[in-house]
């Protein structure tokens, strides 16, 4: 048997980190001995545990240590992290350290250095500004350059576990069950209060949404939220913008009359004609400024100066001007908009929900709303455990949310 001693420190009891770590050790074929444990007496007190982990091989022990690090465990014997040169542009060295979305530090020359720009599934690049001055930051695989010093292995890396927020709203709980049968009112009220506080403090709320918002009748409350200053960043694809402006020009969404409830004559052409008209004008911004588009989501974004990132897909018509068709460039644009975000709303868009969740650090409260429970489940499975899940119609969510904040239809 081989063994290693790990340490846990922080709110490891009420955040359920201690039982999670012990479960992981057993799940991956190891055993443990609680060598020492100190439990805080109050909510504010920190706790600590010293755990001896045993496994039947060095490989299995390394796997266990790798897994428990994601829950904030650190190896008792501190060593500096190891680095290796990227062999060529766009390629990490073998055994590179893959980040989580939790705050992370690496040990360099005996000092713990915070990793900047944390998000999941990236590498860690180390830059040296002098003999003992180091900086560490995340880097996507596509952006790494040959010769960059990249952290490899798990030695000298520690993850700061996510702690339960002190607030008593819905974001103060460690998990949100995915269920269509749970009442939504109190959750939406908590979200509204958080948004109101962020607006008062000039904070940023990010909204990522899909075209079902327009199809289902959520266009007006979303536009009101934007006009009222509650949303400052919008992530979407080509479709949300196209159908929003189609609703203004033709009163339809994907050719279906929003007021009549019937398919319009030649309605299947409406979104194409909308896209074509905006392309002829040159941009969505100019279409709004010139008075061609005066109502709806995109018009509100332009008037309020909302930062818009539209990421295209292979099935897009047109696309509209401003849609980023290169997925790597779209990802970079979304990444650049994330700093400073205090709340993220991911509504009715599977791809944008998961993509945005991957970009957000665990410290950003997140809400995932979809009529399909598989979407919030998928987001949670990808690691965004801080997300509050609501299984409900997107339009109903937006109407209730806007009403909590003062919208009157």
Foldseek 3Di string as FASTA:
>chain_A
DDKFKKKDKFQCVVLVLVVVLQVLLVVLAKHKDFPDWADDPDPPDMIMTIMMIGHPDPVSVLVSVLVSLQSFIATPDADFFAWDWAQFALGGDPQFDWFDLFWKWFADPNDTATEPQGFGGWWKFWDDPDPRDIYIYTDHSNGHGTGTITTGGCHRMHGDHDDQDPDPAPLNDQFADLDQPDDCQRNLLSVLVLLVVCQVVVFAEEEEEEQLCLVVPQFVLLLVCLLVRSHAAYEYAQQNVLQFQLCVPPCDGCQAHPPVRHRDDVRNCSSVVSQVVQVVLPALLSCLVVPVRPDTNSNSCSVNVHHYQYEYDPPQPPRHPRHDDPNVVSLVSLLVPAPRHQEYEYEHDQVRLQSNLRSHRQNRQYEYEELDSVRVVVSVVVPNSSYHYHNDRRSVSSVSSSVSVPDDD
